[in-house]
Protein backbone atom coordinates (compact mmCIF):
# COMPACT_ATOMS: atom_id res chain seq x y z
CA UNK A 1 161.71 225.07 242.59
CA UNK A 2 165.10 223.58 243.69
CA UNK A 3 163.39 221.63 246.48
CA UNK A 4 161.69 219.56 243.77
CA UNK A 5 164.92 218.37 242.14
CA UNK A 6 165.96 214.74 242.67
CA UNK A 7 168.47 213.48 245.25
CA UNK A 8 171.57 215.54 246.01
CA UNK A 9 170.54 218.23 243.51
CA UNK A 10 168.36 219.68 246.28
CA UNK A 11 171.61 221.02 247.80
CA UNK A 12 172.33 223.28 244.82
CA UNK A 13 173.73 226.69 245.84
CA UNK A 14 174.61 229.73 243.75
CA UNK A 15 178.39 230.22 243.47
CA UNK A 16 178.28 232.85 240.72
CA UNK A 17 175.48 235.12 239.55
CA UNK A 18 176.25 237.60 236.79
CA UNK A 19 173.25 238.75 234.73
CA UNK A 20 175.29 241.40 232.96
CA UNK A 21 174.09 244.78 231.76
CA UNK A 22 172.24 243.76 228.60
CA UNK A 23 169.07 245.76 228.00
CA UNK A 24 165.61 244.50 227.24
CA UNK A 25 164.72 244.95 223.56
CA UNK A 26 161.22 246.31 223.05
CA UNK A 27 159.18 246.37 219.83
CA UNK A 28 155.77 246.17 218.16
CA UNK A 29 154.22 248.63 220.60
CA UNK A 30 150.45 249.08 220.55
CA UNK A 31 148.65 251.84 222.44
CA UNK A 32 145.05 251.15 223.41
CA UNK A 33 142.33 253.77 223.40
CA UNK A 34 141.76 255.62 226.65
CA UNK A 35 138.82 253.83 228.29
CA UNK A 36 137.44 253.24 231.74
CA UNK A 37 139.93 255.57 233.38
CA UNK A 38 143.16 253.83 232.38
CA UNK A 39 145.68 253.72 229.55
CA UNK A 40 147.39 250.54 228.36
CA UNK A 41 150.17 249.91 225.89
CA UNK A 42 151.51 246.50 224.86
CA UNK A 43 154.92 245.61 223.47
CA UNK A 44 157.09 242.62 222.61
CA UNK A 45 159.95 242.00 225.03
CA UNK A 46 163.17 240.16 224.22
CA UNK A 47 166.03 239.67 226.66
CA UNK A 48 169.23 237.77 225.92
CA UNK A 49 172.26 237.59 228.20
CA UNK A 50 175.47 235.59 227.77
CA UNK A 51 176.66 236.20 231.33
CA UNK A 52 177.26 233.32 233.68
CA UNK A 53 175.27 231.70 236.46
CA UNK A 54 176.95 228.87 238.40
CA UNK A 55 175.51 226.51 241.00
CA UNK A 56 177.15 223.72 242.99
CA UNK A 57 175.60 220.65 244.62
CA UNK A 58 177.05 218.36 247.28
CA UNK A 59 178.77 215.20 245.96
CA UNK A 60 177.89 215.74 242.28
CA UNK A 61 179.70 218.89 241.16
CA UNK A 62 178.49 222.08 239.49
CA UNK A 63 175.78 223.19 237.08
CA UNK A 64 176.04 226.33 235.01
CA UNK A 65 173.97 228.52 232.71
CA UNK A 66 175.81 230.64 230.16
CA UNK A 67 172.86 231.95 228.16
CA UNK A 68 169.33 233.03 229.06
CA UNK A 69 166.73 234.12 226.53
CA UNK A 70 163.24 235.40 227.37
CA UNK A 71 160.54 236.33 224.85
CA UNK A 72 157.05 237.56 225.59
CA UNK A 73 154.52 240.32 225.19
CA UNK A 74 154.09 242.68 228.10
CA UNK A 75 151.31 245.12 228.97
CA UNK A 76 151.95 248.35 230.87
CA UNK A 77 148.87 249.83 232.53
CA UNK A 78 148.58 253.39 233.84
CA UNK A 79 145.67 253.46 236.28
CA UNK A 80 144.00 255.42 237.69
CA UNK A 81 144.43 258.52 235.57
CA UNK A 82 144.06 261.98 237.07
CA UNK A 83 143.46 265.51 235.80
CA UNK A 84 146.62 266.91 237.35
CA UNK A 85 150.27 266.23 236.59
CA UNK A 86 151.75 263.64 236.40
CA UNK A 87 148.29 262.46 235.23
CA UNK A 88 148.64 258.93 236.62
CA UNK A 89 148.52 257.55 240.15
CA UNK A 90 150.13 254.15 239.57
CA UNK A 91 151.81 251.99 236.93
CA UNK A 92 151.74 248.21 236.71
CA UNK A 93 152.85 245.62 234.18
CA UNK A 94 152.21 241.99 233.35
CA UNK A 95 152.95 239.42 230.66
CA UNK A 96 149.82 238.83 228.60
CA UNK A 97 150.76 235.17 227.98
CA UNK A 98 153.43 233.08 229.74
CA UNK A 99 156.78 234.19 228.26
CA UNK A 100 159.01 231.72 226.42
CA UNK A 101 162.21 230.99 228.35
CA UNK A 102 165.33 229.23 227.07
CA UNK A 103 168.53 228.45 228.99
CA UNK A 104 171.84 226.96 227.83
CA UNK A 105 173.22 224.68 230.56
CA UNK A 106 176.87 223.83 231.14
CA UNK A 107 178.89 221.66 233.52
CA UNK A 108 177.08 218.76 235.17
CA UNK A 109 173.95 219.40 233.14
CA UNK A 110 175.82 218.56 229.92
CA UNK A 111 176.80 215.04 230.98
CA UNK A 112 174.07 214.11 233.47
CA UNK A 113 170.29 214.00 232.99
CA UNK A 114 170.14 217.40 231.28
CA UNK A 115 166.47 217.09 230.27
CA UNK A 116 165.35 216.37 233.83
CA UNK A 117 167.32 219.30 235.25
CA UNK A 118 166.33 221.62 232.42
CA UNK A 119 162.64 220.78 232.61
CA UNK A 120 162.55 221.14 236.40
CA UNK A 121 164.33 224.50 236.42
CA UNK A 122 162.37 225.94 233.49
CA UNK A 123 159.08 224.72 234.97
CA UNK A 124 159.98 226.25 238.33
CA UNK A 125 160.91 229.61 236.83
CA UNK A 126 157.80 229.55 234.64
CA UNK A 127 155.56 228.80 237.64
CA UNK A 128 157.17 231.61 239.63
CA UNK A 129 156.61 234.09 236.78
CA UNK A 130 152.98 232.97 236.35
CA UNK A 131 152.29 233.60 240.03
CA UNK A 132 153.75 237.12 239.93
CA UNK A 133 153.67 238.84 236.52
CA UNK A 134 151.54 236.80 234.09
CA UNK A 135 147.86 237.75 233.70
CA UNK A 136 145.82 237.79 235.89
CA UNK A 137 148.70 238.68 238.22
CA UNK A 138 150.47 241.98 237.74
CA UNK A 139 153.35 243.81 239.37
CA UNK A 140 152.70 247.32 240.66
CA UNK A 141 155.92 248.98 239.52
CA UNK A 142 155.27 252.46 240.88
CA UNK A 143 152.76 254.36 242.98
CA UNK A 144 153.10 257.98 241.97
CA UNK A 145 150.36 258.86 244.45
CA UNK A 146 151.15 257.17 247.81
CA UNK A 147 147.50 257.54 248.86
CA UNK A 148 146.30 255.47 245.90
CA UNK A 149 145.24 252.04 247.18
CA UNK A 150 145.14 248.76 245.31
CA UNK A 151 141.37 248.91 244.90
CA UNK A 152 141.81 251.84 242.49
CA UNK A 153 144.70 250.18 240.65
CA UNK A 154 143.01 246.81 240.16
CA UNK A 155 141.67 245.83 236.72
CA UNK A 156 138.91 243.19 236.83
CA UNK A 157 138.57 240.47 234.19
CA UNK A 158 136.87 241.62 230.99
CA UNK A 159 134.35 238.78 230.83
CA UNK A 160 133.91 235.05 230.69
CA UNK A 161 135.36 233.74 227.42
CA UNK A 162 133.47 230.64 226.32
CA UNK A 163 135.11 228.37 223.73
CA UNK A 164 132.85 225.76 222.16
CA UNK A 165 134.53 222.84 220.40
CA UNK A 166 132.45 222.08 217.30
CA UNK A 167 134.17 219.73 214.86
CA UNK A 168 137.42 218.56 213.32
CA UNK A 169 138.40 217.49 209.84
CA UNK A 170 141.28 215.91 207.96
CA UNK A 171 142.69 213.66 210.68
CA UNK A 172 144.53 210.74 209.08
CA UNK A 173 144.81 207.11 210.16
CA UNK A 174 147.95 206.12 212.04
CA UNK A 175 149.85 203.36 210.16
CA UNK A 176 150.43 200.02 211.90
CA UNK A 177 153.07 197.41 211.19
CA UNK A 178 150.53 194.64 211.73
CA UNK A 179 146.83 194.90 211.04
CA UNK A 180 144.74 197.77 209.75
CA UNK A 181 145.68 201.41 210.18
CA UNK A 182 144.38 202.98 213.38
CA UNK A 183 141.54 205.49 212.99
CA UNK A 184 142.23 208.33 215.46
CA UNK A 185 140.33 208.77 218.72
CA UNK A 186 140.44 212.56 218.90
CA UNK A 187 140.26 214.76 221.97
CA UNK A 188 141.49 218.30 222.55
CA UNK A 189 143.02 220.29 225.36
CA UNK A 190 142.27 224.01 225.38
CA UNK A 191 143.82 226.78 227.50
CA UNK A 192 143.59 230.56 227.59
CA UNK A 193 146.80 232.35 228.50
CA UNK A 194 148.28 230.94 231.70
CA UNK A 195 145.12 229.02 232.66
CA UNK A 196 145.09 225.29 233.28
CA UNK A 197 144.30 223.32 230.07
CA UNK A 198 140.81 221.82 229.96
CA UNK A 199 140.14 218.48 228.25
CA UNK A 200 137.31 217.62 225.90
CA UNK A 201 135.64 214.24 225.62
CA UNK A 202 137.06 211.77 223.10
CA UNK A 203 135.36 211.14 219.74
CA UNK A 204 136.26 207.54 218.95
CA UNK A 205 137.31 206.17 215.55
CA UNK A 206 136.62 209.25 213.48
CA UNK A 207 138.71 211.20 210.97
CA UNK A 208 136.22 214.07 211.09
CA UNK A 209 135.10 214.23 214.74
CA UNK A 210 132.03 216.19 215.78
CA UNK A 211 131.45 217.26 219.38
CA UNK A 212 128.15 218.06 221.08
CA UNK A 213 126.99 221.68 221.16
CA UNK A 214 127.53 221.66 224.92
CA UNK A 215 131.23 220.79 224.59
CA UNK A 216 132.35 224.21 225.79
CA UNK A 217 134.93 225.60 228.18
CA UNK A 218 134.71 228.79 230.24
CA UNK A 219 137.78 230.93 230.94
CA UNK A 220 138.35 234.29 232.57
CA UNK A 221 139.49 236.81 229.97
CA UNK A 222 141.87 239.53 231.19
CA UNK A 223 143.23 240.91 227.92
CA UNK A 224 142.27 240.61 224.26
CA UNK A 225 145.93 239.86 223.53
CA UNK A 226 145.75 236.57 225.46
CA UNK A 227 146.16 233.47 223.31
CA UNK A 228 143.96 230.43 222.95
CA UNK A 229 146.17 227.32 222.93
CA UNK A 230 144.55 224.24 221.39
CA UNK A 231 146.24 220.83 221.26
CA UNK A 232 144.67 217.80 219.54
CA UNK A 233 145.52 214.27 220.67
CA UNK A 234 144.85 210.70 219.59
CA UNK A 235 143.90 208.82 222.76
CA UNK A 236 145.73 205.53 223.25
CA UNK A 237 144.00 202.60 224.93
CA UNK A 238 147.10 200.70 226.00
CA UNK A 239 148.21 201.04 229.61
CA UNK A 240 151.80 201.73 228.55
CA UNK A 241 151.01 203.75 225.42
CA UNK A 242 151.07 207.52 225.48
CA UNK A 243 148.58 209.68 223.60
CA UNK A 244 149.78 210.74 220.15
CA UNK A 245 150.20 214.42 219.30
CA UNK A 246 147.96 215.38 216.35
CA UNK A 247 148.95 219.05 216.18
CA UNK A 248 148.33 222.37 217.85
CA UNK A 249 146.98 225.82 217.07
CA UNK A 250 147.45 229.20 218.70
CA UNK A 251 145.48 232.41 218.13
CA UNK A 252 144.91 235.53 220.20
CA UNK A 253 141.42 236.38 221.39
CA UNK A 254 141.57 239.64 219.41
CA UNK A 255 142.48 237.79 216.20
CA UNK A 256 139.81 235.19 216.83
CA UNK A 257 136.99 237.65 217.47
CA UNK A 258 137.87 239.82 214.47
CA UNK A 259 138.33 236.86 212.11
CA UNK A 260 135.32 234.82 213.20
CA UNK A 261 132.24 234.52 211.01
CA UNK A 262 129.07 233.69 212.89
CA UNK A 263 131.39 233.71 215.92
CA UNK A 264 133.12 230.57 214.57
CA UNK A 265 136.62 230.10 213.20
CA UNK A 266 138.49 227.17 211.68
CA UNK A 267 142.00 226.63 213.08
CA UNK A 268 144.69 224.81 211.06
CA UNK A 269 146.81 222.50 213.22
CA UNK A 270 150.60 222.65 213.16
CA UNK A 271 152.77 219.58 213.80
CA UNK A 272 155.91 219.19 215.90
CA UNK A 273 158.14 220.15 212.98
CA UNK A 274 156.28 223.42 212.45
CA UNK A 275 154.53 222.27 209.26
CA UNK A 276 150.75 222.14 208.74
CA UNK A 277 149.25 218.72 209.43
CA UNK A 278 146.29 219.19 207.09
CA UNK A 279 143.89 218.80 210.01
CA UNK A 280 141.58 221.56 211.21
CA UNK A 281 139.47 222.24 214.28
CA UNK A 282 136.42 224.54 214.23
CA UNK A 283 135.58 226.41 217.42
CA UNK A 284 133.01 228.97 218.44
CA UNK A 285 133.71 231.87 220.79
CA UNK A 286 131.41 233.94 223.00
CA UNK A 287 132.09 236.78 225.43
CA UNK A 288 129.78 236.62 228.45
CA UNK A 289 129.75 239.74 230.64
CA UNK A 290 129.56 239.74 234.42
CA UNK A 291 126.51 241.09 236.25
CA UNK A 292 125.72 241.76 239.90
CA UNK A 293 122.68 239.47 239.83
CA UNK A 294 123.78 235.91 240.72
CA UNK A 295 120.82 233.81 239.53
CA UNK A 296 123.18 232.29 236.93
CA UNK A 297 124.54 230.03 239.68
CA UNK A 298 121.27 228.09 239.79
CA UNK A 299 119.58 228.84 236.45
CA UNK A 300 121.97 226.75 234.30
CA UNK A 301 122.45 223.00 234.04
CA UNK A 302 125.02 221.77 236.60
CA UNK A 303 128.38 221.23 234.91
CA UNK A 304 131.99 221.43 236.04
CA UNK A 305 132.82 223.36 232.84
CA UNK A 306 130.00 225.91 233.14
CA UNK A 307 130.94 229.03 235.07
CA UNK A 308 127.97 230.28 237.05
CA UNK A 309 129.64 233.04 239.05
CA UNK A 310 132.88 234.58 240.22
CA UNK A 311 134.26 235.67 243.59
CA UNK A 312 136.97 238.36 243.48
CA UNK A 313 139.17 238.75 246.56
CA UNK A 314 141.41 241.84 246.69
CA UNK A 315 144.10 241.95 249.39
CA UNK A 316 145.38 245.51 249.75
CA UNK A 317 147.69 245.62 252.77
CA UNK A 318 148.08 244.80 256.45
CA UNK A 319 148.73 247.16 259.37
CA UNK A 320 150.96 246.71 262.41
CA UNK A 321 152.16 243.17 261.66
CA UNK A 322 154.42 242.09 264.59
CA UNK A 323 157.63 241.03 262.81
CA UNK A 324 160.45 240.94 265.32
CA UNK A 325 163.91 240.38 263.81
CA UNK A 326 165.62 236.99 264.28
CA UNK A 327 169.30 236.40 263.61
CA UNK A 328 169.90 234.33 260.49
CA UNK A 329 166.21 234.33 259.57
CA UNK A 330 164.13 236.03 256.89
CA UNK A 331 161.00 237.28 258.68
CA UNK A 332 158.01 237.96 256.45
CA UNK A 333 154.22 237.73 256.38
CA UNK A 334 151.59 236.46 253.97
CA UNK A 335 147.83 236.12 253.60
CA UNK A 336 146.16 232.82 252.74
CA UNK A 337 142.70 232.88 251.16
CA UNK A 338 140.55 229.75 251.38
CA UNK A 339 137.23 229.03 249.66
CA UNK A 340 136.11 225.47 250.28
CA UNK A 341 139.08 223.27 249.38
CA UNK A 342 140.72 225.96 247.23
CA UNK A 343 143.66 227.87 248.70
CA UNK A 344 145.53 230.92 247.44
CA UNK A 345 148.45 232.84 248.93
CA UNK A 346 150.06 236.23 248.54
CA UNK A 347 153.81 236.62 248.20
CA UNK A 348 155.97 236.66 251.33
CA UNK A 349 156.64 240.31 252.17
CA UNK A 350 158.80 241.97 254.83
CA UNK A 351 157.79 245.00 256.90
CA UNK A 352 155.16 245.76 259.49
CA UNK A 353 152.77 247.37 256.97
CA UNK A 354 153.16 245.17 253.86
CA UNK A 355 151.29 246.07 250.66
CA UNK A 356 150.32 242.74 249.11
CA UNK A 357 148.51 244.31 246.12
CA UNK A 358 147.08 240.94 245.09
CA UNK A 359 143.84 239.79 243.47
CA UNK A 360 142.44 236.27 243.57
CA UNK A 361 139.68 235.17 241.20
CA UNK A 362 137.59 232.18 242.26
CA UNK A 363 135.28 230.83 239.53
CA UNK A 364 132.22 228.97 240.81
CA UNK A 365 131.01 226.18 238.54
CA UNK A 366 127.30 225.42 238.40
CA UNK A 367 128.06 221.82 239.38
CA UNK A 368 129.98 222.80 242.52
CA UNK A 369 127.25 225.25 243.55
CA UNK A 370 124.49 222.67 243.00
CA UNK A 371 126.31 220.15 245.21
CA UNK A 372 126.93 222.34 248.23
CA UNK A 373 126.05 225.97 247.61
CA UNK A 374 128.48 228.79 248.26
CA UNK A 375 131.36 228.19 250.67
CA UNK A 376 132.59 230.44 253.46
CA UNK A 377 135.71 232.49 252.78
CA UNK A 378 138.61 232.56 255.24
CA UNK A 379 141.45 235.10 255.24
CA UNK A 380 144.41 234.03 257.39
CA UNK A 381 147.45 236.18 258.22
CA UNK A 382 150.73 234.35 258.91
CA UNK A 383 154.15 235.38 260.17
CA UNK A 384 156.84 233.34 258.41
CA UNK A 385 160.43 232.45 259.31
CA UNK A 386 162.81 231.22 256.65
CA UNK A 387 166.48 230.29 257.14
CA UNK A 388 167.16 230.30 253.40
CA UNK A 389 165.11 230.39 250.21
CA UNK A 390 165.54 226.64 249.60
CA UNK A 391 163.66 225.70 252.75
CA UNK A 392 159.93 225.98 253.26
CA UNK A 393 159.06 228.82 255.67
CA UNK A 394 157.85 228.09 259.17
CA UNK A 395 154.41 229.63 259.74
CA UNK A 396 153.00 231.25 262.85
CA UNK A 397 149.29 232.09 262.85
CA UNK A 398 148.56 235.74 263.64
CA UNK A 399 144.80 235.59 263.18
CA UNK A 400 142.02 234.95 260.68
CA UNK A 401 138.81 236.45 259.34
CA UNK A 402 135.86 234.21 258.46
CA UNK A 403 133.23 235.51 256.05
CA UNK A 404 130.06 233.42 255.56
CA UNK A 405 128.92 233.14 251.94
CA UNK A 406 125.45 234.25 253.02
CA UNK A 407 126.89 237.55 254.28
CA UNK A 408 128.43 238.18 250.87
CA UNK A 409 125.12 237.42 249.15
CA UNK A 410 123.28 239.89 251.41
CA UNK A 411 125.88 242.68 251.19
CA UNK A 412 125.13 245.83 249.20
CA UNK A 413 126.17 245.21 245.57
CA UNK A 414 127.29 241.76 246.82
CA UNK A 415 130.54 243.42 247.93
CA UNK A 416 132.28 243.51 251.33
CA UNK A 417 134.88 246.26 251.58
CA UNK A 418 136.53 246.79 254.95
CA UNK A 419 139.58 246.98 257.19
CA UNK A 420 139.20 244.23 259.78
CA UNK A 421 141.19 243.47 262.96
CA UNK A 422 143.28 240.29 262.81
CA UNK A 423 144.35 238.71 266.09
CA UNK A 424 145.51 241.08 268.82
CA UNK A 425 147.87 244.02 269.14
CA UNK A 426 146.22 246.31 266.61
CA UNK A 427 147.00 244.18 263.54
CA UNK A 428 144.43 244.68 260.76
CA UNK A 429 143.88 243.64 257.15
CA UNK A 430 142.34 245.75 254.39
CA UNK A 431 140.47 243.73 251.76
CA UNK A 432 137.53 243.68 249.37
CA UNK A 433 135.45 240.65 248.38
CA UNK A 434 132.78 240.75 245.67
CA UNK A 435 130.40 238.22 244.12
CA UNK A 436 129.39 238.33 240.45
CA UNK A 437 127.00 236.39 238.23
CA UNK A 438 127.08 236.13 234.44
CA UNK A 439 124.66 237.43 231.80
CA UNK A 440 122.43 234.45 231.07
CA UNK A 441 121.05 235.91 227.85
CA UNK A 442 124.57 236.12 226.43
CA UNK A 443 125.49 232.74 227.92
CA UNK A 444 122.71 231.18 225.83
CA UNK A 445 123.53 232.40 222.30
CA UNK A 446 120.30 231.02 220.82
CA UNK A 447 118.35 233.60 222.82
CA UNK A 448 120.28 236.54 221.41
CA UNK A 449 119.03 238.68 218.54
CA UNK A 450 121.95 237.42 216.44
CA UNK A 451 122.71 233.70 216.59
CA UNK A 452 125.12 231.67 214.51
CA UNK A 453 122.23 230.13 212.57
CA UNK A 454 120.31 233.36 211.94
CA UNK A 455 119.87 234.74 208.44
CA UNK A 456 120.18 238.34 207.35
CA UNK A 457 116.65 239.19 208.20
CA UNK A 458 114.78 242.05 209.80
CA UNK A 459 112.16 241.79 212.51
CA UNK A 460 108.87 243.72 212.65
CA UNK A 461 108.54 245.33 216.07
CA UNK A 462 105.28 244.65 217.83
CA UNK A 463 103.19 247.59 219.04
CA UNK A 464 103.20 246.15 222.56
CA UNK A 465 107.01 246.22 222.58
CA UNK A 466 107.78 249.67 221.31
CA UNK A 467 104.69 251.66 220.45
CA UNK A 468 103.49 252.11 216.87
CA UNK A 469 105.95 251.32 214.10
CA UNK A 470 106.18 252.73 210.62
CA UNK A 471 106.14 249.85 208.12
CA UNK A 472 107.28 251.84 205.11
CA UNK A 473 110.23 249.99 203.54
CA UNK A 474 113.45 251.99 203.57
CA UNK A 475 115.70 251.14 200.64
CA UNK A 476 119.29 252.32 200.76
CA UNK A 477 121.47 253.31 197.83
CA UNK A 478 123.61 250.54 196.34
CA UNK A 479 121.50 247.79 197.92
CA UNK A 480 118.51 245.63 197.17
CA UNK A 481 115.63 245.60 199.61
CA UNK A 482 113.18 242.78 200.23
CA UNK A 483 110.66 243.53 202.94
CA UNK A 484 112.62 244.47 206.06
CA UNK A 485 115.87 242.94 204.81
CA UNK A 486 118.66 244.93 203.21
CA UNK A 487 121.09 242.79 201.23
CA UNK A 488 124.45 243.43 199.63
CA UNK A 489 124.99 243.62 195.85
CA UNK A 490 125.90 240.31 194.26
CA UNK A 491 129.17 241.73 192.95
CA UNK A 492 130.44 241.87 196.54
CA UNK A 493 129.77 238.21 197.27
CA UNK A 494 133.41 237.51 198.15
CA UNK A 495 133.76 240.43 200.56
CA UNK A 496 133.36 240.25 204.32
CA UNK A 497 129.79 240.90 205.35
CA UNK A 498 128.81 242.68 208.55
CA UNK A 499 125.36 241.88 209.87
CA UNK A 500 124.34 244.85 212.01
CA UNK A 501 121.25 244.94 214.18
CA UNK A 502 119.74 248.08 215.66
CA UNK A 503 118.49 246.47 218.86
CA UNK A 504 116.95 249.13 221.08
CA UNK A 505 117.19 252.60 222.58
CA UNK A 506 117.04 253.82 226.15
CA UNK A 507 115.96 257.05 227.84
CA UNK A 508 114.76 258.94 224.78
CA UNK A 509 113.40 262.34 225.84
CA UNK A 510 110.25 264.39 225.31
CA UNK A 511 110.66 266.59 222.26
CA UNK A 512 109.61 270.24 222.47
CA UNK A 513 108.33 272.60 219.77
CA UNK A 514 107.50 276.28 220.11
CA UNK A 515 104.15 276.04 218.32
CA UNK A 516 102.92 272.61 219.32
CA UNK A 517 102.55 270.29 222.26
CA UNK A 518 105.57 268.42 223.58
CA UNK A 519 105.66 264.74 222.64
CA UNK A 520 107.79 261.67 223.17
CA UNK A 521 110.26 261.22 220.33
CA UNK A 522 109.27 259.20 217.26
CA UNK A 523 112.72 257.69 216.98
CA UNK A 524 114.48 256.14 214.02
CA UNK A 525 118.16 255.59 213.25
CA UNK A 526 120.36 256.21 210.25
CA UNK A 527 123.42 253.97 210.30
CA UNK A 528 126.43 254.19 208.00
CA UNK A 529 129.39 251.79 207.89
CA UNK A 530 132.63 253.21 206.52
CA UNK A 531 133.14 256.49 204.67
CA UNK A 532 130.89 255.72 201.70
CA UNK A 533 127.52 257.47 202.28
CA UNK A 534 125.85 254.87 200.05
CA UNK A 535 126.78 252.17 202.56
CA UNK A 536 123.98 253.32 204.87
CA UNK A 537 120.60 252.24 206.17
CA UNK A 538 117.56 253.66 207.94
CA UNK A 539 115.50 251.78 210.50
CA UNK A 540 111.77 251.97 210.99
CA UNK A 541 110.24 254.59 213.25
CA UNK A 542 109.18 253.66 216.77
CA UNK A 543 106.49 256.13 217.80
CA UNK A 544 106.12 257.72 221.22
CA UNK A 545 108.45 255.39 223.05
CA UNK A 546 110.96 256.29 225.73
CA UNK A 547 112.71 252.96 225.17
CA UNK A 548 112.21 252.11 221.47
CA UNK A 549 112.86 248.57 220.27
CA UNK A 550 113.83 248.16 216.62
CA UNK A 551 115.39 244.68 216.41
CA UNK A 552 116.06 245.25 212.72
CA UNK A 553 119.04 243.93 210.82
CA UNK A 554 120.91 245.02 207.72
CA UNK A 555 123.96 243.65 205.92
CA UNK A 556 126.93 245.83 204.98
CA UNK A 557 129.99 245.17 202.86
CA UNK A 558 132.95 245.39 205.26
CA UNK A 559 136.49 246.27 204.20
CA UNK A 560 137.98 245.67 207.65
CA UNK A 561 137.38 245.82 211.42
CA UNK A 562 138.73 249.38 211.59
CA UNK A 563 135.73 250.67 209.64
CA UNK A 564 133.63 253.19 211.56
CA UNK A 565 129.95 252.87 212.38
CA UNK A 566 128.11 256.21 212.37
CA UNK A 567 124.77 256.24 214.20
CA UNK A 568 122.41 259.22 213.90
CA UNK A 569 119.09 259.28 215.77
CA UNK A 570 116.17 261.38 214.52
CA UNK A 571 112.69 262.38 215.64
CA UNK A 572 110.26 261.64 212.79
CA UNK A 573 107.97 264.62 212.06
CA UNK A 574 105.83 262.82 209.45
CA UNK A 575 103.22 265.05 207.85
CA UNK A 576 104.35 268.19 209.65
CA UNK A 577 106.11 271.23 208.26
CA UNK A 578 109.08 270.66 210.53
CA UNK A 579 112.22 268.84 209.46
CA UNK A 580 113.10 265.65 211.29
CA UNK A 581 115.09 266.78 214.31
CA UNK A 582 118.43 265.17 215.02
CA UNK A 583 118.49 263.74 218.55
CA UNK A 584 122.17 262.89 218.69
CA UNK A 585 124.97 260.87 217.15
CA UNK A 586 127.53 258.24 218.06
CA UNK A 587 130.60 256.92 216.27
CA UNK A 588 132.59 253.77 216.98
CA UNK A 589 134.69 251.17 215.20
CA UNK A 590 133.44 247.77 214.10
CA UNK A 591 136.17 246.12 216.18
CA UNK A 592 134.93 247.95 219.29
CA UNK A 593 131.66 246.04 218.96
CA UNK A 594 133.18 242.69 217.97
CA UNK A 595 135.61 242.82 220.89
CA UNK A 596 132.76 243.24 223.38
CA UNK A 597 131.08 240.05 222.23
CA UNK A 598 129.22 241.64 219.33
CA UNK A 599 126.85 243.82 221.34
CA UNK A 600 127.43 247.36 222.57
CA UNK A 601 125.45 250.23 224.06
CA UNK A 602 126.59 253.74 223.09
CA UNK A 603 125.53 257.15 224.35
CA UNK A 604 124.34 259.72 221.82
CA UNK A 605 126.19 263.04 221.68
CA UNK A 606 124.58 266.35 220.65
CA UNK A 607 126.52 269.59 220.26
CA UNK A 608 129.56 267.90 221.86
CA UNK A 609 127.61 267.06 225.02
CA UNK A 610 126.28 263.70 226.28
CA UNK A 611 122.50 263.45 225.92
CA UNK A 612 121.79 260.70 228.45
CA UNK A 613 120.14 258.77 225.61
CA UNK A 614 121.55 255.39 224.60
CA UNK A 615 121.35 253.05 221.61
CA UNK A 616 122.30 249.36 221.56
CA UNK A 617 123.60 247.72 218.40
CA UNK A 618 124.77 244.20 217.69
CA UNK A 619 127.29 243.15 215.02
CA UNK A 620 128.39 239.85 213.55
CA UNK A 621 130.60 238.92 210.62
CA UNK A 622 128.90 236.33 208.41
CA UNK A 623 129.90 234.28 205.41
CA UNK A 624 129.27 235.94 202.07
């Protein structure tokens, strides 16, 4: 950071460092449901100190800071959980978004180029925080179980988060002293959390710009609390003119997914003064899950914005690193990861058995893969000498590991997990590298059962897909039924509408009776949204099918995303003296489905035990 300052300011040294004893102020805590073997709670963090920090530079005097303020939202993750006290093996934390940092400078900074110094220092501190404790990076604060390795602590990204830029409205002409007012040439920059902003193409001379359907941007999503940052600009043609700020918008992924109708949301832009500009940008959002199959690298059109796959490199720790002490030197080690031209590094750590506890995520665009295929991966271990923290460390190569991309493709589950010798003398490095594709069906929303243009409409299941189907219409109380479509009452036209599709089932079992032959279940579902039993619906029956396919849709009046969805599966005993037997039930919240991209598979429970039978539903909020 200080090495980047101009001229003599590179000689800055601390002469006083007093951070005081002020405590962090925590608030707005949220505890997440226990899922996937870990527990997470989020909270706002505010830290203010009025203690003094002083620095001095050769020839130019001193610089001071007499106030530091930090604001952010932090996540604390307990993972993995155990069945014995203390019930957790490790704890880690990270900032969900880059925290806001303010500093009040004194001394030289007040009379010299304060903005240059301030921007450099704040940018340096912000970059350091992003590389250590801002998602996707996290700090392992405690290992309760010393035998717990980083592979068990690590949390992978949730999915690819695809943001499609659709259209803008309400942009006004810029007044000119001479000539006609300038119609804006609008482009946007979009970022997720701490990711690098991505730029859209420019729509020239348009107050209501419309972008192509393929104007989308792929990001790695690590937490639903991460924010989408959108900034609109008016591109300037002059060589000396800067682009004009048209406003910005910020919304968390959770807010976006729960507010979106047809997976689209309109964002109001805010100007520099904090007031609405009157302009709006409409975006679409899609969650695209990762899969082990990597055909997505070649099955999509080549584009630098289209993510076709992901390589995850986990660096656990090194063994027997030869770090002999040197007088006046900081002796440390680090690991450098290289994929093609991309390079990543762990922190510098002391000790002969350093635990790096670091994950690197390497997105592979379809364009890059089409131009040269997968690249080899190199892990290099360095010993580093550093006289002081202001000087770049001197590196000594200890050894390297080269992994061909083809070996990763051929590996079981496309994962290499090993402890490998590095150099000589017994030094070794423990690491894991895995390759992932993305779900192409989800990546192409038009192929999904629910698309943004679809109407509230059921689908008759073909016999070849799911066995015989009962075509008897099933009307539900408080609704009107037309064919296979269940619609809401007109009096609720202003309410939120949830379009719910019963997609399919999996692993339905043979059903046994004492007095008749066993048969495959004739499965149908009863689905209720909320606590009102009249807000319910029954699907058709799929006869004698282990994996029934319904693909039927109904619309429900929705009071909020916390409403529950109750799913009951039955075996239809039409014409027999037996009652329809209940095969199992499942209960979940609407937001649980919306926050997984709108599609979720749930396991049915019977008599408090898992049945091994699964049902997939799909949900989407639509305009009334």
